[in-house]
Amino acid sequence: MATVRKFLERTLRGTNLEIFKFGLYLSFPIGYMYYFGTNLESRFAVPGFWPTQEQSHKIPYEREEIKAELERHQSVLRERRDEERRSQLERARVAFKQGRGLEREGEAVGDGVKVVVSS
């Protein structure tokens, strides 16, 4: 052990020390990546993590498929908007029936919903 230490102290000086350090700086990350980067499929595989082809969304490429997808998306948005309007109108009716929110003549204001009542 003492002979190895004397050898290193004698030979690793100046430029040789810098070259040795540079070699270590390069070899540690490469060794780290080699050790942890091989056989990733067998070591870190989680069965059923990614969706199958049937479970994932199919991107339309044909003109008819794109048109059908746009119509479906627009109908979903339209239904959502109509449902929101119905719920706002129902909240305004309930607030108006309870007598809350009559601030000005001709307007019913309640629960943050302003509905103009025409007489």
PDB file of N, CA and C in Angstrom:
ATOM      1  N   MET A   1       0.826  -1.188   0.000  1.00  0.00           N
ATOM      2  CA  MET A   1       0.000   0.000   0.000  1.00  0.00           C
ATOM      3  C   MET A   1       0.868   1.249   0.000  1.00  0.00           C
ATOM      4  N   ALA A   2       1.931   1.191   0.737  1.00  0.00           N
ATOM      5  CA  ALA A   2       2.817   2.346   0.814  1.00  0.00           C
ATOM      6  C   ALA A   2       3.521   2.583  -0.508  1.00  0.00           C
ATOM      7  N   THR A   3       3.818   1.511  -1.231  1.00  0.00           N
ATOM      8  CA  THR A   3       4.518   1.678  -2.514  1.00  0.00           C
ATOM      9  C   THR A   3       3.592   2.308  -3.549  1.00  0.00           C
ATOM     10  N   VAL A   4       2.296   1.965  -3.504  1.00  0.00           N
ATOM     11  CA  VAL A   4       1.337   2.560  -4.445  1.00  0.00           C
ATOM     12  C   VAL A   4       1.199   4.045  -4.155  1.00  0.00           C
ATOM     13  N   ARG A   5       1.180   4.369  -2.891  1.00  0.00           N
ATOM     14  CA  ARG A   5       1.046   5.783  -2.522  1.00  0.00           C
ATOM     15  C   ARG A   5       2.271   6.585  -2.959  1.00  0.00           C
ATOM     16  N   LYS A   6       3.445   6.038  -2.780  1.00  0.00           N
ATOM     17  CA  LYS A   6       4.661   6.721  -3.198  1.00  0.00           C
ATOM     18  C   LYS A   6       4.698   6.871  -4.719  1.00  0.00           C
ATOM     19  N   PHE A   7       4.217   5.844  -5.417  1.00  0.00           N
ATOM     20  CA  PHE A   7       4.189   5.902  -6.874  1.00  0.00           C
ATOM     21  C   PHE A   7       3.252   7.006  -7.349  1.00  0.00           C
ATOM     22  N   LEU A   8       2.069   7.079  -6.721  1.00  0.00           N
ATOM     23  CA  LEU A   8       1.110   8.112  -7.117  1.00  0.00           C
ATOM     24  C   LEU A   8       1.627   9.505  -6.785  1.00  0.00           C
ATOM     25  N   GLU A   9       2.266   9.652  -5.639  1.00  0.00           N
ATOM     26  CA  GLU A   9       2.793  10.961  -5.265  1.00  0.00           C
ATOM     27  C   GLU A   9       3.913  11.396  -6.204  1.00  0.00           C
ATOM     28  N   ARG A  10       4.734  10.430  -6.682  1.00  0.00           N
ATOM     29  CA  ARG A  10       5.827  10.755  -7.581  1.00  0.00           C
ATOM     30  C   ARG A  10       5.353  11.064  -8.990  1.00  0.00           C
ATOM     31  N   THR A  11       4.368  10.300  -9.499  1.00  0.00           N
ATOM     32  CA  THR A  11       3.983  10.420 -10.912  1.00  0.00           C
ATOM     33  C   THR A  11       2.850  11.397 -11.147  1.00  0.00           C
ATOM     34  N   LEU A  12       1.957  11.582 -10.180  1.00  0.00           N
ATOM     35  CA  LEU A  12       0.814  12.466 -10.412  1.00  0.00           C
ATOM     36  C   LEU A  12       1.128  13.865  -9.907  1.00  0.00           C
ATOM     37  N   ARG A  13       1.874  14.571 -10.697  1.00  0.00           N
ATOM     38  CA  ARG A  13       2.199  15.956 -10.390  1.00  0.00           C
ATOM     39  C   ARG A  13       1.995  16.772 -11.648  1.00  0.00           C
ATOM     40  N   GLY A  14       1.541  17.986 -11.468  1.00  0.00           N
ATOM     41  CA  GLY A  14       1.423  18.922 -12.585  1.00  0.00           C
ATOM     42  C   GLY A  14       0.469  18.450 -13.662  1.00  0.00           C
ATOM     43  N   THR A  15       1.003  18.279 -14.869  1.00  0.00           N
ATOM     44  CA  THR A  15       0.184  17.921 -16.029  1.00  0.00           C
ATOM     45  C   THR A  15      -0.408  16.531 -15.884  1.00  0.00           C
ATOM     46  N   ASN A  16       0.368  15.596 -15.350  1.00  0.00           N
ATOM     47  CA  ASN A  16      -0.156  14.240 -15.179  1.00  0.00           C
ATOM     48  C   ASN A  16      -1.355  14.217 -14.235  1.00  0.00           C
ATOM     49  N   LEU A  17      -1.328  15.045 -13.212  1.00  0.00           N
ATOM     50  CA  LEU A  17      -2.459  15.119 -12.287  1.00  0.00           C
ATOM     51  C   LEU A  17      -3.685  15.672 -13.000  1.00  0.00           C
ATOM     52  N   GLU A  18      -3.513  16.688 -13.811  1.00  0.00           N
ATOM     53  CA  GLU A  18      -4.647  17.275 -14.541  1.00  0.00           C
ATOM     54  C   GLU A  18      -5.239  16.279 -15.530  1.00  0.00           C
ATOM     55  N   ILE A  19      -4.396  15.530 -16.208  1.00  0.00           N
ATOM     56  CA  ILE A  19      -4.886  14.526 -17.157  1.00  0.00           C
ATOM     57  C   ILE A  19      -5.632  13.424 -16.409  1.00  0.00           C
ATOM     58  N   PHE A  20      -5.110  13.006 -15.256  1.00  0.00           N
ATOM     59  CA  PHE A  20      -5.789  11.991 -14.446  1.00  0.00           C
ATOM     60  C   PHE A  20      -7.158  12.482 -13.985  1.00  0.00           C
ATOM     61  N   LYS A  21      -7.228  13.720 -13.500  1.00  0.00           N
ATOM     62  CA  LYS A  21      -8.515  14.272 -13.065  1.00  0.00           C
ATOM     63  C   LYS A  21      -9.492  14.374 -14.235  1.00  0.00           C
ATOM     64  N   PHE A  22      -8.992  14.809 -15.400  1.00  0.00           N
ATOM     65  CA  PHE A  22      -9.859  14.909 -16.572  1.00  0.00           C
ATOM     66  C   PHE A  22     -10.407  13.540 -16.957  1.00  0.00           C
ATOM     67  N   GLY A  23      -9.567  12.516 -16.877  1.00  0.00           N
ATOM     68  CA  GLY A  23     -10.029  11.153 -17.157  1.00  0.00           C
ATOM     69  C   GLY A  23     -11.095  10.700 -16.189  1.00  0.00           C
ATOM     70  N   LEU A  24     -10.920  11.044 -14.905  1.00  0.00           N
ATOM     71  CA  LEU A  24     -11.951  10.693 -13.923  1.00  0.00           C
ATOM     72  C   LEU A  24     -13.250  11.451 -14.183  1.00  0.00           C
ATOM     73  N   TYR A  25     -13.132  12.737 -14.529  1.00  0.00           N
ATOM     74  CA  TYR A  25     -14.327  13.538 -14.798  1.00  0.00           C
ATOM     75  C   TYR A  25     -15.118  12.980 -15.968  1.00  0.00           C
ATOM     76  N   LEU A  26     -14.422  12.414 -16.936  1.00  0.00           N
ATOM     77  CA  LEU A  26     -15.120  11.823 -18.077  1.00  0.00           C
ATOM     78  C   LEU A  26     -15.640  10.426 -17.774  1.00  0.00           C
ATOM     79  N   SER A  27     -14.869   9.635 -17.029  1.00  0.00           N
ATOM     80  CA  SER A  27     -15.237   8.234 -16.854  1.00  0.00           C
ATOM     81  C   SER A  27     -16.399   8.037 -15.886  1.00  0.00           C
ATOM     82  N   PHE A  28     -16.532   8.865 -14.869  1.00  0.00           N
ATOM     83  CA  PHE A  28     -17.621   8.662 -13.918  1.00  0.00           C
ATOM     84  C   PHE A  28     -19.004   8.855 -14.542  1.00  0.00           C
ATOM     85  N   PRO A  29     -19.277   9.940 -15.259  1.00  0.00           N
ATOM     86  CA  PRO A  29     -20.609  10.042 -15.885  1.00  0.00           C
ATOM     87  C   PRO A  29     -20.871   8.959 -16.919  1.00  0.00           C
ATOM     88  N   ILE A  30     -19.841   8.591 -17.685  1.00  0.00           N
ATOM     89  CA  ILE A  30     -20.029   7.545 -18.689  1.00  0.00           C
ATOM     90  C   ILE A  30     -20.304   6.212 -18.005  1.00  0.00           C
ATOM     91  N   GLY A  31     -19.571   5.901 -16.956  1.00  0.00           N
ATOM     92  CA  GLY A  31     -19.821   4.668 -16.215  1.00  0.00           C
ATOM     93  C   GLY A  31     -21.183   4.665 -15.549  1.00  0.00           C
ATOM     94  N   TYR A  32     -21.575   5.798 -15.017  1.00  0.00           N
ATOM     95  CA  TYR A  32     -22.891   5.933 -14.388  1.00  0.00           C
ATOM     96  C   TYR A  32     -24.000   5.690 -15.411  1.00  0.00           C
ATOM     97  N   MET A  33     -23.870   6.309 -16.574  1.00  0.00           N
ATOM     98  CA  MET A  33     -24.892   6.118 -17.615  1.00  0.00           C
ATOM     99  C   MET A  33     -24.888   4.695 -18.132  1.00  0.00           C
ATOM    100  N   TYR A  34     -23.721   4.065 -18.237  1.00  0.00           N
ATOM    101  CA  TYR A  34     -23.666   2.691 -18.703  1.00  0.00           C
ATOM    102  C   TYR A  34     -24.318   1.753 -17.692  1.00  0.00           C
ATOM    103  N   TYR A  35     -24.031   1.949 -16.404  1.00  0.00           N
ATOM    104  CA  TYR A  35     -24.577   1.063 -15.381  1.00  0.00           C
ATOM    105  C   TYR A  35     -26.086   1.187 -15.276  1.00  0.00           C
ATOM    106  N   PHE A  36     -26.594   2.407 -15.241  1.00  0.00           N
ATOM    107  CA  PHE A  36     -28.035   2.602 -15.063  1.00  0.00           C
ATOM    108  C   PHE A  36     -28.798   2.646 -16.378  1.00  0.00           C
ATOM    109  N   GLY A  37     -28.116   2.751 -17.506  1.00  0.00           N
ATOM    110  CA  GLY A  37     -28.805   2.891 -18.788  1.00  0.00           C
ATOM    111  C   GLY A  37     -28.992   1.614 -19.554  1.00  0.00           C
ATOM    112  N   THR A  38     -28.427   0.502 -19.089  1.00  0.00           N
ATOM    113  CA  THR A  38     -28.596  -0.759 -19.803  1.00  0.00           C
ATOM    114  C   THR A  38     -29.726  -1.556 -19.193  1.00  0.00           C
ATOM    115  N   ASN A  39     -30.457  -2.295 -20.020  1.00  0.00           N
ATOM    116  CA  ASN A  39     -31.578  -3.150 -19.605  1.00  0.00           C
ATOM    117  C   ASN A  39     -32.671  -2.356 -18.895  1.00  0.00           C
ATOM    118  N   LEU A  40     -32.985  -1.198 -19.404  1.00  0.00           N
ATOM    119  CA  LEU A  40     -34.028  -0.386 -18.773  1.00  0.00           C
ATOM    120  C   LEU A  40     -35.396  -1.041 -18.885  1.00  0.00           C
ATOM    121  N   GLU A  41     -35.637  -1.746 -20.000  1.00  0.00           N
ATOM    122  CA  GLU A  41     -36.953  -2.358 -20.207  1.00  0.00           C
ATOM    123  C   GLU A  41     -37.234  -3.427 -19.167  1.00  0.00           C
ATOM    124  N   SER A  42     -36.218  -4.176 -18.786  1.00  0.00           N
ATOM    125  CA  SER A  42     -36.464  -5.255 -17.828  1.00  0.00           C
ATOM    126  C   SER A  42     -36.446  -4.755 -16.385  1.00  0.00           C
ATOM    127  N   ARG A  43     -35.704  -3.696 -16.103  1.00  0.00           N
ATOM    128  CA  ARG A  43     -35.589  -3.232 -14.719  1.00  0.00           C
ATOM    129  C   ARG A  43     -36.697  -2.274 -14.315  1.00  0.00           C
ATOM    130  N   PHE A  44     -37.118  -1.407 -15.217  1.00  0.00           N
ATOM    131  CA  PHE A  44     -38.069  -0.361 -14.854  1.00  0.00           C
ATOM    132  C   PHE A  44     -39.397  -0.473 -15.581  1.00  0.00           C
ATOM    133  N   ALA A  45     -39.728  -1.631 -16.114  1.00  0.00           N
ATOM    134  CA  ALA A  45     -40.973  -1.801 -16.857  1.00  0.00           C
ATOM    135  C   ALA A  45     -42.144  -1.953 -15.895  1.00  0.00           C
ATOM    136  N   VAL A  46     -43.196  -1.170 -16.135  1.00  0.00           N
ATOM    137  CA  VAL A  46     -44.422  -1.265 -15.357  1.00  0.00           C
ATOM    138  C   VAL A  46     -45.501  -1.774 -16.306  1.00  0.00           C
ATOM    139  N   PRO A  47     -45.994  -2.988 -16.104  1.00  0.00           N
ATOM    140  CA  PRO A  47     -46.997  -3.518 -17.032  1.00  0.00           C
ATOM    141  C   PRO A  47     -48.291  -2.712 -16.974  1.00  0.00           C
ATOM    142  N   GLY A  48     -48.822  -2.389 -18.142  1.00  0.00           N
ATOM    143  CA  GLY A  48     -50.078  -1.667 -18.239  1.00  0.00           C
ATOM    144  C   GLY A  48     -49.962  -0.180 -17.996  1.00  0.00           C
ATOM    145  N   PHE A  49     -48.746   0.376 -18.006  1.00  0.00           N
ATOM    146  CA  PHE A  49     -48.585   1.812 -17.744  1.00  0.00           C
ATOM    147  C   PHE A  49     -49.036   2.642 -18.941  1.00  0.00           C
ATOM    148  N   TRP A  50     -48.599   2.290 -20.137  1.00  0.00           N
ATOM    149  CA  TRP A  50     -48.987   3.034 -21.330  1.00  0.00           C
ATOM    150  C   TRP A  50     -50.274   2.461 -21.894  1.00  0.00           C
ATOM    151  N   PRO A  51     -51.155   3.315 -22.438  1.00  0.00           N
ATOM    152  CA  PRO A  51     -52.410   2.810 -23.012  1.00  0.00           C
ATOM    153  C   PRO A  51     -52.146   2.004 -24.279  1.00  0.00           C
ATOM    154  N   THR A  52     -53.015   1.045 -24.522  1.00  0.00           N
ATOM    155  CA  THR A  52     -52.898   0.248 -25.734  1.00  0.00           C
ATOM    156  C   THR A  52     -53.415   1.052 -26.919  1.00  0.00           C
ATOM    157  N   GLN A  53     -53.278   0.500 -28.097  1.00  0.00           N
ATOM    158  CA  GLN A  53     -53.720   1.180 -29.314  1.00  0.00           C
ATOM    159  C   GLN A  53     -55.235   1.392 -29.302  1.00  0.00           C
ATOM    160  N   GLU A  54     -55.967   0.449 -28.730  1.00  0.00           N
ATOM    161  CA  GLU A  54     -57.430   0.572 -28.677  1.00  0.00           C
ATOM    162  C   GLU A  54     -57.867   1.631 -27.666  1.00  0.00           C
ATOM    163  N   GLN A  55     -57.069   1.832 -26.605  1.00  0.00           N
ATOM    164  CA  GLN A  55     -57.435   2.791 -25.570  1.00  0.00           C
ATOM    165  C   GLN A  55     -57.046   4.217 -25.917  1.00  0.00           C
ATOM    166  N   SER A  56     -56.107   4.390 -26.806  1.00  0.00           N
ATOM    167  CA  SER A  56     -55.632   5.738 -27.117  1.00  0.00           C
ATOM    168  C   SER A  56     -56.507   6.396 -28.177  1.00  0.00           C
ATOM    169  N   HIS A  57     -56.351   7.699 -28.300  1.00  0.00           N
ATOM    170  CA  HIS A  57     -57.147   8.479 -29.233  1.00  0.00           C
ATOM    171  C   HIS A  57     -56.654   8.253 -30.653  1.00  0.00           C
ATOM    172  N   LYS A  58     -57.572   8.060 -31.572  1.00  0.00           N
ATOM    173  CA  LYS A  58     -57.219   7.862 -32.982  1.00  0.00           C
ATOM    174  C   LYS A  58     -57.311   9.206 -33.687  1.00  0.00           C
ATOM    175  N   ILE A  59     -56.220   9.639 -34.263  1.00  0.00           N
ATOM    176  CA  ILE A  59     -56.180  10.925 -34.950  1.00  0.00           C
ATOM    177  C   ILE A  59     -56.783  10.765 -36.336  1.00  0.00           C
ATOM    178  N   PRO A  60     -57.798  11.572 -36.681  1.00  0.00           N
ATOM    179  CA  PRO A  60     -58.403  11.457 -38.013  1.00  0.00           C
ATOM    180  C   PRO A  60     -57.512  12.084 -39.084  1.00  0.00           C
ATOM    181  N   TYR A  61     -57.372  11.398 -40.203  1.00  0.00           N
ATOM    182  CA  TYR A  61     -56.561  11.894 -41.308  1.00  0.00           C
ATOM    183  C   TYR A  61     -57.387  12.167 -42.562  1.00  0.00           C
ATOM    184  N   GLU A  62     -58.463  11.425 -42.744  1.00  0.00           N
ATOM    185  CA  GLU A  62     -59.305  11.610 -43.927  1.00  0.00           C
ATOM    186  C   GLU A  62     -60.244  12.792 -43.718  1.00  0.00           C
ATOM    187  N   ARG A  63     -60.669  13.379 -44.825  1.00  0.00           N
ATOM    188  CA  ARG A  63     -61.522  14.569 -44.775  1.00  0.00           C
ATOM    189  C   ARG A  63     -62.843  14.296 -44.056  1.00  0.00           C
ATOM    190  N   GLU A  64     -63.444  13.151 -44.336  1.00  0.00           N
ATOM    191  CA  GLU A  64     -64.722  12.821 -43.700  1.00  0.00           C
ATOM    192  C   GLU A  64     -64.554  12.584 -42.199  1.00  0.00           C
ATOM    193  N   GLU A  65     -63.452  11.919 -41.828  1.00  0.00           N
ATOM    194  CA  GLU A  65     -63.208  11.667 -40.414  1.00  0.00           C
ATOM    195  C   GLU A  65     -62.985  12.975 -39.655  1.00  0.00           C
ATOM    196  N   ILE A  66     -62.247  13.905 -40.272  1.00  0.00           N
ATOM    197  CA  ILE A  66     -62.001  15.201 -39.636  1.00  0.00           C
ATOM    198  C   ILE A  66     -63.304  15.969 -39.476  1.00  0.00           C
ATOM    199  N   LYS A  67     -64.133  15.935 -40.506  1.00  0.00           N
ATOM    200  CA  LYS A  67     -65.415  16.641 -40.448  1.00  0.00           C
ATOM    201  C   LYS A  67     -66.319  16.041 -39.367  1.00  0.00           C
ATOM    202  N   ALA A  68     -66.342  14.714 -39.272  1.00  0.00           N
ATOM    203  CA  ALA A  68     -67.158  14.055 -38.244  1.00  0.00           C
ATOM    204  C   ALA A  68     -66.639  14.389 -36.843  1.00  0.00           C
ATOM    205  N   GLU A  69     -65.328  14.428 -36.687  1.00  0.00           N
ATOM    206  CA  GLU A  69     -64.753  14.760 -35.380  1.00  0.00           C
ATOM    207  C   GLU A  69     -65.050  16.200 -35.001  1.00  0.00           C
ATOM    208  N   LEU A  70     -64.986  17.122 -35.952  1.00  0.00           N
ATOM    209  CA  LEU A  70     -65.322  18.522 -35.681  1.00  0.00           C
ATOM    210  C   LEU A  70     -66.788  18.672 -35.282  1.00  0.00           C
ATOM    211  N   GLU A  71     -67.666  17.986 -35.996  1.00  0.00           N
ATOM    212  CA  GLU A  71     -69.087  18.042 -35.654  1.00  0.00           C
ATOM    213  C   GLU A  71     -69.343  17.473 -34.260  1.00  0.00           C
ATOM    214  N   ARG A  72     -68.662  16.377 -33.929  1.00  0.00           N
ATOM    215  CA  ARG A  72     -68.832  15.788 -32.607  1.00  0.00           C
ATOM    216  C   ARG A  72     -68.340  16.749 -31.521  1.00  0.00           C
ATOM    217  N   HIS A  73     -67.198  17.362 -31.761  1.00  0.00           N
ATOM    218  CA  HIS A  73     -66.641  18.300 -30.787  1.00  0.00           C
ATOM    219  C   HIS A  73     -67.538  19.525 -30.627  1.00  0.00           C
ATOM    220  N   GLN A  74     -68.049  20.045 -31.731  1.00  0.00           N
ATOM    221  CA  GLN A  74     -68.930  21.206 -31.656  1.00  0.00           C
ATOM    222  C   GLN A  74     -70.237  20.869 -30.950  1.00  0.00           C
ATOM    223  N   SER A  75     -70.762  19.672 -31.168  1.00  0.00           N
ATOM    224  CA  SER A  75     -72.005  19.300 -30.483  1.00  0.00           C
ATOM    225  C   SER A  75     -71.770  19.152 -28.977  1.00  0.00           C
ATOM    226  N   VAL A  76     -70.619  18.626 -28.586  1.00  0.00           N
ATOM    227  CA  VAL A  76     -70.308  18.517 -27.158  1.00  0.00           C
ATOM    228  C   VAL A  76     -70.215  19.906 -26.543  1.00  0.00           C
ATOM    229  N   LEU A  77     -69.528  20.825 -27.215  1.00  0.00           N
ATOM    230  CA  LEU A  77     -69.417  22.189 -26.706  1.00  0.00           C
ATOM    231  C   LEU A  77     -70.778  22.881 -26.656  1.00  0.00           C
ATOM    232  N   ARG A  78     -71.609  22.650 -27.677  1.00  0.00           N
ATOM    233  CA  ARG A  78     -72.934  23.252 -27.711  1.00  0.00           C
ATOM    234  C   ARG A  78     -73.793  22.734 -26.558  1.00  0.00           C
ATOM    235  N   GLU A  79     -73.743  21.418 -26.303  1.00  0.00           N
ATOM    236  CA  GLU A  79     -74.504  20.844 -25.196  1.00  0.00           C
ATOM    237  C   GLU A  79     -74.029  21.399 -23.863  1.00  0.00           C
ATOM    238  N   ARG A  80     -72.723  21.541 -23.701  1.00  0.00           N
ATOM    239  CA  ARG A  80     -72.171  22.087 -22.463  1.00  0.00           C
ATOM    240  C   ARG A  80     -72.617  23.539 -22.261  1.00  0.00           C
ATOM    241  N   ARG A  81     -72.593  24.327 -23.346  1.00  0.00           N
ATOM    242  CA  ARG A  81     -73.010  25.728 -23.258  1.00  0.00           C
ATOM    243  C   ARG A  81     -74.499  25.834 -22.955  1.00  0.00           C
ATOM    244  N   ASP A  82     -75.319  25.000 -23.600  1.00  0.00           N
ATOM    245  CA  ASP A  82     -76.758  25.031 -23.335  1.00  0.00           C
ATOM    246  C   ASP A  82     -77.066  24.620 -21.895  1.00  0.00           C
ATOM    247  N   GLU A  83     -76.356  23.626 -21.383  1.00  0.00           N
ATOM    248  CA  GLU A  83     -76.571  23.196 -20.004  1.00  0.00           C
ATOM    249  C   GLU A  83     -76.185  24.312 -19.031  1.00  0.00           C
ATOM    250  N   GLU A  84     -75.104  25.014 -19.310  1.00  0.00           N
ATOM    251  CA  GLU A  84     -74.688  26.129 -18.451  1.00  0.00           C
ATOM    252  C   GLU A  84     -75.733  27.246 -18.488  1.00  0.00           C
ATOM    253  N   ARG A  85     -76.257  27.529 -19.655  1.00  0.00           N
ATOM    254  CA  ARG A  85     -77.305  28.566 -19.761  1.00  0.00           C
ATOM    255  C   ARG A  85     -78.558  28.167 -19.004  1.00  0.00           C
ATOM    256  N   ARG A  86     -78.943  26.872 -19.119  1.00  0.00           N
ATOM    257  CA  ARG A  86     -80.125  26.415 -18.397  1.00  0.00           C
ATOM    258  C   ARG A  86     -79.930  26.525 -16.888  1.00  0.00           C
ATOM    259  N   SER A  87     -78.749  26.166 -16.414  1.00  0.00           N
ATOM    260  CA  SER A  87     -78.514  26.245 -14.975  1.00  0.00           C
ATOM    261  C   SER A  87     -78.483  27.699 -14.502  1.00  0.00           C
ATOM    262  N   GLN A  88     -77.932  28.615 -15.297  1.00  0.00           N
ATOM    263  CA  GLN A  88     -77.939  30.028 -14.933  1.00  0.00           C
ATOM    264  C   GLN A  88     -79.361  30.577 -14.897  1.00  0.00           C
ATOM    265  N   LEU A  89     -80.163  30.206 -15.885  1.00  0.00           N
ATOM    266  CA  LEU A  89     -81.550  30.663 -15.930  1.00  0.00           C
ATOM    267  C   LEU A  89     -82.332  30.116 -14.738  1.00  0.00           C
ATOM    268  N   GLU A  90     -82.088  28.851 -14.381  1.00  0.00           N
ATOM    269  CA  GLU A  90     -82.797  28.263 -13.244  1.00  0.00           C
ATOM    270  C   GLU A  90     -82.386  28.949 -11.940  1.00  0.00           C
ATOM    271  N   ARG A  91     -81.111  29.251 -11.779  1.00  0.00           N
ATOM    272  CA  ARG A  91     -80.670  29.972 -10.576  1.00  0.00           C
ATOM    273  C   ARG A  91     -81.289  31.360 -10.513  1.00  0.00           C
ATOM    274  N   ALA A  92     -81.410  32.032 -11.665  1.00  0.00           N
ATOM    275  CA  ALA A  92     -82.013  33.359 -11.697  1.00  0.00           C
ATOM    276  C   ALA A  92     -83.501  33.283 -11.357  1.00  0.00           C
ATOM    277  N   ARG A  93     -84.192  32.262 -11.842  1.00  0.00           N
ATOM    278  CA  ARG A  93     -85.624  32.098 -11.529  1.00  0.00           C
ATOM    279  C   ARG A  93     -85.826  31.848 -10.043  1.00  0.00           C
ATOM    280  N   VAL A  94     -84.996  30.998  -9.465  1.00  0.00           N
ATOM    281  CA  VAL A  94     -85.119  30.704  -8.035  1.00  0.00           C
ATOM    282  C   VAL A  94     -84.853  31.963  -7.227  1.00  0.00           C
ATOM    283  N   ALA A  95     -83.832  32.714  -7.616  1.00  0.00           N
ATOM    284  CA  ALA A  95     -83.517  33.951  -6.898  1.00  0.00           C
ATOM    285  C   ALA A  95     -84.648  34.964  -7.045  1.00  0.00           C
ATOM    286  N   PHE A  96     -85.246  35.035  -8.205  1.00  0.00           N
ATOM    287  CA  PHE A  96     -86.332  35.981  -8.438  1.00  0.00           C
ATOM    288  C   PHE A  96     -87.578  35.590  -7.644  1.00  0.00           C
ATOM    289  N   LYS A  97     -87.861  34.256  -7.575  1.00  0.00           N
ATOM    290  CA  LYS A  97     -89.030  33.801  -6.820  1.00  0.00           C
ATOM    291  C   LYS A  97     -88.862  34.039  -5.325  1.00  0.00           C
ATOM    292  N   GLN A  98     -87.645  33.982  -4.839  1.00  0.00           N
ATOM    293  CA  GLN A  98     -87.405  34.210  -3.425  1.00  0.00           C
ATOM    294  C   GLN A  98     -87.411  35.687  -3.089  1.00  0.00           C
ATOM    295  N   GLY A  99     -87.464  36.550  -4.079  1.00  0.00           N
ATOM    296  CA  GLY A  99     -87.539  37.968  -3.839  1.00  0.00           C
ATOM    297  C   GLY A  99     -86.194  38.626  -3.610  1.00  0.00           C
ATOM    298  N   ARG A 100     -85.114  37.900  -3.833  1.00  0.00           N
ATOM    299  CA  ARG A 100     -83.800  38.504  -3.660  1.00  0.00           C
ATOM    300  C   ARG A 100     -83.368  39.130  -4.963  1.00  0.00           C
ATOM    301  N   GLY A 101     -82.556  40.127  -4.819  1.00  0.00           N
ATOM    302  CA  GLY A 101     -81.843  40.623  -5.970  1.00  0.00           C
ATOM    303  C   GLY A 101     -82.581  41.607  -6.842  1.00  0.00           C
ATOM    304  N   LEU A 102     -83.685  42.189  -6.403  1.00  0.00           N
ATOM    305  CA  LEU A 102     -84.339  43.219  -7.204  1.00  0.00           C
ATOM    306  C   LEU A 102     -83.682  44.551  -6.883  1.00  0.00           C
ATOM    307  N   GLU A 103     -82.665  44.893  -7.635  1.00  0.00           N
ATOM    308  CA  GLU A 103     -81.950  46.137  -7.368  1.00  0.00           C
ATOM    309  C   GLU A 103     -82.564  47.300  -8.138  1.00  0.00           C
ATOM    310  N   ARG A 104     -82.854  47.053  -9.390  1.00  0.00           N
ATOM    311  CA  ARG A 104     -83.445  48.097 -10.223  1.00  0.00           C
ATOM    312  C   ARG A 104     -84.697  47.533 -10.881  1.00  0.00           C
ATOM    313  N   GLU A 105     -85.562  48.415 -11.268  1.00  0.00           N
ATOM    314  CA  GLU A 105     -86.802  47.968 -11.896  1.00  0.00           C
ATOM    315  C   GLU A 105     -86.479  47.370 -13.258  1.00  0.00           C
ATOM    316  N   GLY A 106     -86.977  46.168 -13.491  1.00  0.00           N
ATOM    317  CA  GLY A 106     -86.774  45.527 -14.781  1.00  0.00           C
ATOM    318  C   GLY A 106     -85.584  44.588 -14.819  1.00  0.00           C
ATOM    319  N   GLU A 107     -84.827  44.475 -13.723  1.00  0.00           N
ATOM    320  CA  GLU A 107     -83.667  43.572 -13.719  1.00  0.00           C
ATOM    321  C   GLU A 107     -83.733  42.689 -12.481  1.00  0.00           C
ATOM    322  N   ALA A 108     -83.421  41.422 -12.669  1.00  0.00           N
ATOM    323  CA  ALA A 108     -83.322  40.489 -11.550  1.00  0.00           C
ATOM    324  C   ALA A 108     -81.861  40.091 -11.422  1.00  0.00           C
ATOM    325  N   VAL A 109     -81.319  40.344 -10.245  1.00  0.00           N
ATOM    326  CA  VAL A 109     -79.913  40.016 -10.015  1.00  0.00           C
ATOM    327  C   VAL A 109     -79.851  39.109  -8.803  1.00  0.00           C
ATOM    328  N   GLY A 110     -79.219  37.937  -8.962  1.00  0.00           N
ATOM    329  CA  GLY A 110     -79.095  37.004  -7.837  1.00  0.00           C
ATOM    330  C   GLY A 110     -78.065  35.948  -8.132  1.00  0.00           C
ATOM    331  N   ASP A 111     -77.311  35.574  -7.145  1.00  0.00           N
ATOM    332  CA  ASP A 111     -76.266  34.545  -7.254  1.00  0.00           C
ATOM    333  C   ASP A 111     -75.259  34.867  -8.354  1.00  0.00           C
ATOM    334  N   GLY A 112     -74.986  36.150  -8.576  1.00  0.00           N
ATOM    335  CA  GLY A 112     -74.001  36.523  -9.577  1.00  0.00           C
ATOM    336  C   GLY A 112     -74.501  36.443 -10.999  1.00  0.00           C
ATOM    337  N   VAL A 113     -75.809  36.181 -11.192  1.00  0.00           N
ATOM    338  CA  VAL A 113     -76.389  36.064 -12.527  1.00  0.00           C
ATOM    339  C   VAL A 113     -77.315  37.229 -12.746  1.00  0.00           C
ATOM    340  N   LYS A 114     -77.131  37.955 -13.831  1.00  0.00           N
ATOM    341  CA  LYS A 114     -77.972  39.103 -14.131  1.00  0.00           C
ATOM    342  C   LYS A 114     -78.848  38.750 -15.321  1.00  0.00           C
ATOM    343  N   VAL A 115     -80.148  38.773 -15.095  1.00  0.00           N
ATOM    344  CA  VAL A 115     -81.119  38.462 -16.142  1.00  0.00           C
ATOM    345  C   VAL A 115     -82.030  39.639 -16.308  1.00  0.00           C
ATOM    346  N   VAL A 116     -82.128  40.131 -17.529  1.00  0.00           N
ATOM    347  CA  VAL A 116     -83.012  41.273 -17.800  1.00  0.00           C
ATOM    348  C   VAL A 116     -84.421  40.738 -17.991  1.00  0.00           C
ATOM    349  N   VAL A 117     -85.355  41.268 -17.189  1.00  0.00           N
ATOM    350  CA  VAL A 117     -86.743  40.842 -17.254  1.00  0.00           C
ATOM    351  C   VAL A 117     -87.519  41.906 -18.029  1.00  0.00           C
ATOM    352  N   SER A 118     -88.068  41.508 -19.138  1.00  0.00           N
ATOM    353  CA  SER A 118     -88.844  42.482 -19.931  1.00  0.00           C
ATOM    354  C   SER A 118     -90.292  42.382 -19.524  1.00  0.00           C
ATOM    355  N   SER A 119     -90.935  43.570 -19.337  1.00  0.00           N
ATOM    356  CA  SER A 119     -92.330  43.582 -18.913  1.00  0.00           C
ATOM    357  C   SER A 119     -93.218  44.029 -20.030  1.00  0.00           C
TER     358      SER A 119
END
